[in-house]
Amino acid sequence: MSVTASTPIDLSSVVESQQPLEAVLLITRTGAQLGAWTRNSVPIDVLSVMAATLVGSIETLMTALGASSPREVSLMIDGRRVFVSKVNAQVVLVIVAAGAMTEVALRATMRQIVKSLPPFPSDSDRMARGPRDRRRS
């Protein structure tokens, strides 16, 4: 079973509206949406694809420098914090928040969101079943 965006995950129940968050995206590494929440109306498709591109660019940069692929990335961009965390090898959580939100609060929010997510198949599950074993739900 591969991770797909067939049944979007409702992130609005996890994101507290009083938090200084602007967007929360749960995406695959290819940019497919698994779940999304934004404070304002924005093109989610564009955010998802560009977030996946950002993740790929950072991984390429770090591996070209001889480092391993980072599990988490924290950026400050024009007064906004962008926090990226790998949920597993194929799923990434991206949080965009106001710059006033502390790194500690942002990490706590990330942990809260990840804890509320349904389980995703791990790479070891996929390898154990093999490429031809397609389970149906």
C-alpha atoms as a PDB file:
ATOM      1  CA  MET A   1       0.000   0.000   0.000  1.00  0.00           C
ATOM      2  CA  SER A   2       1.479   3.320  -0.968  1.00  0.00           C
ATOM      3  CA  VAL A   3       0.735   6.654   0.631  1.00  0.00           C
ATOM      4  CA  THR A   4      -1.897   8.418  -1.444  1.00  0.00           C
ATOM      5  CA  ALA A   5      -4.015  11.514  -1.212  1.00  0.00           C
ATOM      6  CA  SER A   6      -7.255   9.623  -1.861  1.00  0.00           C
ATOM      7  CA  THR A   7      -8.737  10.434   1.555  1.00  0.00           C
ATOM      8  CA  PRO A   8      -7.517  13.844   2.744  1.00  0.00           C
ATOM      9  CA  ILE A   9      -6.710  14.135   6.421  1.00  0.00           C
ATOM     10  CA  ASP A  10      -8.622  16.888   8.197  1.00  0.00           C
ATOM     11  CA  LEU A  11      -5.974  19.004   9.887  1.00  0.00           C
ATOM     12  CA  SER A  12      -8.415  21.704  11.022  1.00  0.00           C
ATOM     13  CA  SER A  13      -9.349  19.661  14.080  1.00  0.00           C
ATOM     14  CA  VAL A  14      -5.705  19.575  15.173  1.00  0.00           C
ATOM     15  CA  VAL A  15      -4.692  23.150  14.433  1.00  0.00           C
ATOM     16  CA  GLU A  16      -5.755  25.564  17.113  1.00  0.00           C
ATOM     17  CA  SER A  17      -7.078  28.728  15.506  1.00  0.00           C
ATOM     18  CA  GLN A  18      -5.478  30.962  18.122  1.00  0.00           C
ATOM     19  CA  GLN A  19      -1.988  29.757  17.220  1.00  0.00           C
ATOM     20  CA  PRO A  20       0.008  32.049  14.931  1.00  0.00           C
ATOM     21  CA  LEU A  21      -0.003  29.468  12.139  1.00  0.00           C
ATOM     22  CA  GLU A  22      -0.556  30.415   8.512  1.00  0.00           C
ATOM     23  CA  ALA A  23      -0.450  27.004   6.866  1.00  0.00           C
ATOM     24  CA  VAL A  24      -0.026  23.338   7.719  1.00  0.00           C
ATOM     25  CA  LEU A  25       0.593  20.895   4.888  1.00  0.00           C
ATOM     26  CA  LEU A  26       0.897  17.150   5.009  1.00  0.00           C
ATOM     27  CA  ILE A  27       2.371  16.053   1.707  1.00  0.00           C
ATOM     28  CA  THR A  28       4.262  13.262   0.046  1.00  0.00           C
ATOM     29  CA  ARG A  29       7.753  13.938  -1.213  1.00  0.00           C
ATOM     30  CA  THR A  30       6.298  14.309  -4.701  1.00  0.00           C
ATOM     31  CA  GLY A  31       3.945  17.072  -3.562  1.00  0.00           C
ATOM     32  CA  ALA A  32       0.711  15.079  -3.381  1.00  0.00           C
ATOM     33  CA  GLN A  33      -1.565  16.482  -0.683  1.00  0.00           C
ATOM     34  CA  LEU A  34      -2.507  14.244   2.199  1.00  0.00           C
ATOM     35  CA  GLY A  35      -3.959  17.077   4.266  1.00  0.00           C
ATOM     36  CA  ALA A  36      -3.875  20.842   4.407  1.00  0.00           C
ATOM     37  CA  TRP A  37      -5.005  23.759   6.521  1.00  0.00           C
ATOM     38  CA  THR A  38      -4.512  27.457   5.817  1.00  0.00           C
ATOM     39  CA  ARG A  39      -5.649  30.501   7.725  1.00  0.00           C
ATOM     40  CA  ASN A  40      -6.438  32.358   4.497  1.00  0.00           C
ATOM     41  CA  SER A  41      -7.640  31.216   1.117  1.00  0.00           C
ATOM     42  CA  VAL A  42      -4.533  30.299  -0.869  1.00  0.00           C
ATOM     43  CA  PRO A  43      -3.826  27.865  -3.730  1.00  0.00           C
ATOM     44  CA  ILE A  44      -3.033  24.667  -1.786  1.00  0.00           C
ATOM     45  CA  ASP A  45      -1.808  22.878  -4.920  1.00  0.00           C
ATOM     46  CA  VAL A  46       0.895  25.507  -5.413  1.00  0.00           C
ATOM     47  CA  LEU A  47       1.923  25.367  -1.748  1.00  0.00           C
ATOM     48  CA  SER A  48       2.150  21.569  -1.809  1.00  0.00           C
ATOM     49  CA  VAL A  49       4.247  21.336  -4.957  1.00  0.00           C
ATOM     50  CA  MET A  50       6.573  24.145  -3.906  1.00  0.00           C
ATOM     51  CA  ALA A  51       6.980  22.664  -0.411  1.00  0.00           C
ATOM     52  CA  ALA A  52       7.961  19.330  -1.972  1.00  0.00           C
ATOM     53  CA  THR A  53      10.408  21.194  -4.227  1.00  0.00           C
ATOM     54  CA  LEU A  54      11.876  22.932  -1.161  1.00  0.00           C
ATOM     55  CA  VAL A  55      12.350  19.589   0.600  1.00  0.00           C
ATOM     56  CA  GLY A  56      14.003  18.068  -2.468  1.00  0.00           C
ATOM     57  CA  SER A  57      16.284  21.078  -2.918  1.00  0.00           C
ATOM     58  CA  ILE A  58      17.434  21.000   0.697  1.00  0.00           C
ATOM     59  CA  GLU A  59      18.096  17.250   0.519  1.00  0.00           C
ATOM     60  CA  THR A  60      20.093  17.676  -2.688  1.00  0.00           C
ATOM     61  CA  LEU A  61      22.075  20.570  -1.202  1.00  0.00           C
ATOM     62  CA  MET A  62      22.933  18.679   1.976  1.00  0.00           C
ATOM     63  CA  THR A  63      23.823  15.385   0.294  1.00  0.00           C
ATOM     64  CA  ALA A  64      25.998  17.250  -2.252  1.00  0.00           C
ATOM     65  CA  LEU A  65      27.885  18.656   0.738  1.00  0.00           C
ATOM     66  CA  GLY A  66      28.351  15.136   2.116  1.00  0.00           C
ATOM     67  CA  ALA A  67      25.749  15.462   4.876  1.00  0.00           C
ATOM     68  CA  SER A  68      22.805  13.168   5.397  1.00  0.00           C
ATOM     69  CA  SER A  69      19.281  14.125   4.448  1.00  0.00           C
ATOM     70  CA  PRO A  70      17.903  16.246   7.306  1.00  0.00           C
ATOM     71  CA  ARG A  71      14.936  14.973   9.292  1.00  0.00           C
ATOM     72  CA  GLU A  72      13.880  18.528  10.176  1.00  0.00           C
ATOM     73  CA  VAL A  73      14.448  21.920   8.626  1.00  0.00           C
ATOM     74  CA  SER A  74      13.696  25.281  10.194  1.00  0.00           C
ATOM     75  CA  LEU A  75      13.842  28.468   8.137  1.00  0.00           C
ATOM     76  CA  MET A  76      13.098  32.108   8.837  1.00  0.00           C
ATOM     77  CA  ILE A  77      11.785  33.795   5.694  1.00  0.00           C
ATOM     78  CA  ASP A  78      10.725  37.449   5.755  1.00  0.00           C
ATOM     79  CA  GLY A  79       9.279  37.314   9.244  1.00  0.00           C
ATOM     80  CA  ARG A  80       7.745  33.853   8.894  1.00  0.00           C
ATOM     81  CA  ARG A  81       8.965  30.553  10.234  1.00  0.00           C
ATOM     82  CA  VAL A  82       8.855  27.543   7.943  1.00  0.00           C
ATOM     83  CA  PHE A  83       9.315  24.224   9.690  1.00  0.00           C
ATOM     84  CA  VAL A  84       9.598  20.958   7.755  1.00  0.00           C
ATOM     85  CA  SER A  85       9.622  17.563   9.430  1.00  0.00           C
ATOM     86  CA  LYS A  86       9.687  14.098   7.892  1.00  0.00           C
ATOM     87  CA  VAL A  87       6.882  11.960   9.275  1.00  0.00           C
ATOM     88  CA  ASN A  88       8.407   8.964   7.492  1.00  0.00           C
ATOM     89  CA  ALA A  89      10.465   8.403   4.342  1.00  0.00           C
ATOM     90  CA  GLN A  90       7.593   9.460   2.062  1.00  0.00           C
ATOM     91  CA  VAL A  91       5.497  11.886   4.137  1.00  0.00           C
ATOM     92  CA  VAL A  92       6.469  15.422   5.144  1.00  0.00           C
ATOM     93  CA  LEU A  93       4.760  17.895   7.476  1.00  0.00           C
ATOM     94  CA  VAL A  94       5.260  21.572   6.597  1.00  0.00           C
ATOM     95  CA  ILE A  95       4.235  24.317   9.009  1.00  0.00           C
ATOM     96  CA  VAL A  96       4.320  28.034   8.189  1.00  0.00           C
ATOM     97  CA  ALA A  97       3.937  30.322  11.199  1.00  0.00           C
ATOM     98  CA  ALA A  98       4.408  33.912  12.213  1.00  0.00           C
ATOM     99  CA  GLY A  99       8.009  34.748  13.059  1.00  0.00           C
ATOM    100  CA  ALA A 100       6.955  35.566  16.620  1.00  0.00           C
ATOM    101  CA  MET A 101       6.214  31.882  17.266  1.00  0.00           C
ATOM    102  CA  THR A 102       9.189  30.411  19.064  1.00  0.00           C
ATOM    103  CA  GLU A 103      11.086  27.394  17.829  1.00  0.00           C
ATOM    104  CA  VAL A 104      10.026  25.524  20.979  1.00  0.00           C
ATOM    105  CA  ALA A 105       6.329  26.270  20.367  1.00  0.00           C
ATOM    106  CA  LEU A 106       6.664  25.321  16.716  1.00  0.00           C
ATOM    107  CA  ARG A 107       8.243  21.973  17.577  1.00  0.00           C
ATOM    108  CA  ALA A 108       5.531  21.311  20.181  1.00  0.00           C
ATOM    109  CA  THR A 109       2.871  22.046  17.557  1.00  0.00           C
ATOM    110  CA  MET A 110       4.600  19.711  15.109  1.00  0.00           C
ATOM    111  CA  ARG A 111       4.673  16.898  17.691  1.00  0.00           C
ATOM    112  CA  GLN A 112       0.983  17.452  18.509  1.00  0.00           C
ATOM    113  CA  ILE A 113       0.013  17.283  14.830  1.00  0.00           C
ATOM    114  CA  VAL A 114       2.143  14.192  14.107  1.00  0.00           C
ATOM    115  CA  LYS A 115       0.717  12.446  17.180  1.00  0.00           C
ATOM    116  CA  SER A 116      -2.830  13.008  15.888  1.00  0.00           C
ATOM    117  CA  LEU A 117      -2.141  11.577  12.410  1.00  0.00           C
ATOM    118  CA  PRO A 118      -3.306   8.133  11.351  1.00  0.00           C
ATOM    119  CA  PRO A 119      -0.549   5.552  10.887  1.00  0.00           C
ATOM    120  CA  PHE A 120       1.193   5.528   7.538  1.00  0.00           C
ATOM    121  CA  PRO A 121       2.813   2.410   6.108  1.00  0.00           C
ATOM    122  CA  SER A 122       6.509   2.403   6.858  1.00  0.00           C
ATOM    123  CA  ASP A 123       9.254   1.517   4.432  1.00  0.00           C
ATOM    124  CA  SER A 124       9.891  -1.717   6.350  1.00  0.00           C
ATOM    125  CA  ASP A 125       6.192  -2.696   5.939  1.00  0.00           C
ATOM    126  CA  ARG A 126       6.454  -2.059   2.200  1.00  0.00           C
ATOM    127  CA  MET A 127       9.659  -4.112   1.894  1.00  0.00           C
ATOM    128  CA  ALA A 128       8.243  -6.989   3.952  1.00  0.00           C
ATOM    129  CA  ARG A 129       5.195  -7.284   1.682  1.00  0.00           C
ATOM    130  CA  GLY A 130       7.215  -6.934  -1.469  1.00  0.00           C
ATOM    131  CA  PRO A 131       6.417  -4.861  -4.540  1.00  0.00           C
ATOM    132  CA  ARG A 132       3.707  -7.194  -5.895  1.00  0.00           C
ATOM    133  CA  ASP A 133       1.624  -7.604  -2.739  1.00  0.00           C
ATOM    134  CA  ARG A 134      -1.210  -5.102  -3.214  1.00  0.00           C
ATOM    135  CA  ARG A 135      -3.636  -5.159  -0.300  1.00  0.00           C
ATOM    136  CA  ARG A 136      -7.119  -3.877  -0.967  1.00  0.00           C
ATOM    137  CA  SER A 137      -9.235  -2.032   1.528  1.00  0.00           C
END
